[in-house]
Amino acid sequence: RVSGVSDSTSQSYSYTVFELPAEARLRFATLDSSTEARALALTEVKGAALPEARTVPFAAAVIRVSELDSQLARLKAAGLRVVEPRRSQTPEGRTFTEAAFTDPDGHIVVLYQLD
């Protein structure tokens, strides 16, 4: 079921992770599963032409982890592309840190740790 629909700020982490142009406007719909709030998020991109052949995927797996710093150190040591961490806040006001990386097959993965 739909949990919420919201417009993104120009500071959204999605601009960096998905290499979206600054003029793009983003709107998110988050969906709840029967066991997890915001289990899936869909993003609408408007106001900017996107290239037909994308080198950056439009999808990402999002995984909650503990000890994000040590995970990032391992990813960097493995030579993977890492998008630097960023602090953010859930709709309920909980703070978290998120970071993204591209796996060896070219998939984007976002890791997050709740404070």
Protein backbone atom coordinates (compact mmCIF):
# COMPACT_ATOMS: atom_id res chain seq x y z
CA ARG A 1 0.00 0.00 0.00
CA VAL A 2 1.08 3.59 -0.58
CA SER A 3 2.76 5.02 2.49
CA GLY A 4 3.29 8.50 1.13
CA VAL A 5 3.96 10.66 -1.89
CA SER A 6 6.29 13.63 -1.65
CA ASP A 7 8.34 16.01 -3.75
CA SER A 8 12.07 15.84 -3.29
CA THR A 9 14.28 18.70 -2.26
CA SER A 10 17.12 19.76 -4.50
CA GLN A 11 19.43 18.21 -1.88
CA SER A 12 18.11 14.67 -2.41
CA TYR A 13 20.75 11.96 -2.31
CA SER A 14 19.17 10.54 -5.49
CA TYR A 15 20.69 13.34 -7.58
CA THR A 16 24.18 12.20 -6.63
CA VAL A 17 23.57 8.44 -6.62
CA PHE A 18 21.76 8.30 -9.98
CA GLU A 19 23.72 11.21 -11.53
CA LEU A 20 20.55 13.16 -12.29
CA PRO A 21 20.75 16.70 -13.71
CA ALA A 22 20.13 19.52 -11.23
CA GLU A 23 17.12 20.79 -13.23
CA ALA A 24 15.27 17.50 -12.76
CA ARG A 25 12.32 17.52 -10.36
CA LEU A 26 11.84 14.35 -8.32
CA ARG A 27 8.72 12.95 -6.69
CA PHE A 28 8.74 9.83 -4.54
CA ALA A 29 6.05 7.30 -3.72
CA THR A 30 6.89 4.94 -0.89
CA LEU A 31 5.11 1.65 -0.49
CA ASP A 32 4.67 -0.40 2.68
CA SER A 33 4.65 -4.19 2.75
CA SER A 34 2.76 -6.15 5.38
CA THR A 35 5.91 -6.28 7.51
CA GLU A 36 8.02 -3.26 6.57
CA ALA A 37 7.37 0.48 6.33
CA ARG A 38 8.71 1.99 3.09
CA ALA A 39 9.74 -1.41 1.69
CA LEU A 40 9.84 0.01 -1.85
CA ALA A 41 10.25 3.51 -3.21
CA LEU A 42 9.37 4.66 -6.71
CA THR A 43 10.83 7.85 -8.18
CA GLU A 44 9.33 10.06 -10.86
CA VAL A 45 11.81 12.29 -12.73
CA LYS A 46 10.39 15.34 -14.53
CA GLY A 47 11.74 18.50 -16.09
CA ALA A 48 14.91 17.05 -17.55
CA ALA A 49 15.67 14.89 -20.52
CA LEU A 50 17.37 11.67 -19.55
CA PRO A 51 19.76 9.98 -21.93
CA GLU A 52 18.35 7.00 -23.77
CA ALA A 53 21.36 4.81 -23.06
CA ARG A 54 22.04 5.03 -19.33
CA THR A 55 25.40 4.18 -17.87
CA VAL A 56 23.93 4.59 -14.37
CA PRO A 57 21.05 2.23 -13.48
CA PHE A 58 17.69 3.64 -12.44
CA ALA A 59 17.22 1.10 -9.64
CA ALA A 60 18.99 0.41 -6.37
CA ALA A 61 18.73 -2.16 -3.63
CA VAL A 62 18.49 -0.49 -0.21
CA ILE A 63 19.84 -2.46 2.74
CA ARG A 64 19.93 -1.62 6.45
CA VAL A 65 23.31 -2.41 8.03
CA SER A 66 25.12 -1.97 11.29
CA GLU A 67 28.64 -0.53 11.40
CA LEU A 68 28.31 1.39 8.14
CA ASP A 69 31.81 2.86 8.43
CA SER A 70 33.52 -0.54 8.43
CA GLN A 71 31.34 -1.69 5.51
CA LEU A 72 32.37 1.39 3.50
CA ALA A 73 36.04 0.83 4.30
CA ARG A 74 35.78 -2.73 2.92
CA LEU A 75 34.02 -1.52 -0.23
CA LYS A 76 36.62 1.17 -0.88
CA ALA A 77 39.45 -1.31 -0.24
CA ALA A 78 37.86 -3.55 -2.88
CA GLY A 79 38.12 -0.66 -5.35
CA LEU A 80 34.36 -0.17 -5.78
CA ARG A 81 32.80 3.21 -6.65
CA VAL A 82 31.40 4.62 -3.39
CA VAL A 83 29.17 7.69 -3.12
CA GLU A 84 30.16 9.45 0.09
CA PRO A 85 27.80 9.02 3.06
CA ARG A 86 25.09 11.49 3.86
CA ARG A 87 22.92 12.01 6.94
CA SER A 88 19.18 12.18 6.50
CA GLN A 89 15.91 11.79 8.39
CA THR A 90 12.95 9.42 8.09
CA PRO A 91 9.41 10.81 7.86
CA GLU A 92 9.05 9.89 11.56
CA GLY A 93 12.07 12.01 12.47
CA ARG A 94 14.68 9.27 13.02
CA THR A 95 18.12 10.12 11.72
CA PHE A 96 20.23 7.80 9.63
CA THR A 97 23.32 7.76 7.47
CA GLU A 98 23.18 6.41 3.93
CA ALA A 99 25.87 5.62 1.42
CA ALA A 100 25.79 4.02 -2.00
CA PHE A 101 28.17 1.90 -4.01
CA THR A 102 28.26 0.23 -7.38
CA ASP A 103 28.86 -3.52 -7.22
CA PRO A 104 31.19 -5.33 -9.66
CA ASP A 105 28.22 -6.09 -11.97
CA GLY A 106 27.23 -2.40 -12.18
CA HIS A 107 24.26 -2.51 -9.76
CA ILE A 108 23.74 0.35 -7.32
CA VAL A 109 23.33 -0.61 -3.67
CA VAL A 110 22.41 1.89 -0.95
CA LEU A 111 23.37 1.00 2.61
CA TYR A 112 21.90 2.81 5.59
CA GLN A 113 22.39 2.78 9.35
CA LEU A 114 19.83 4.17 11.78
CA ASP A 115 21.21 6.30 14.60
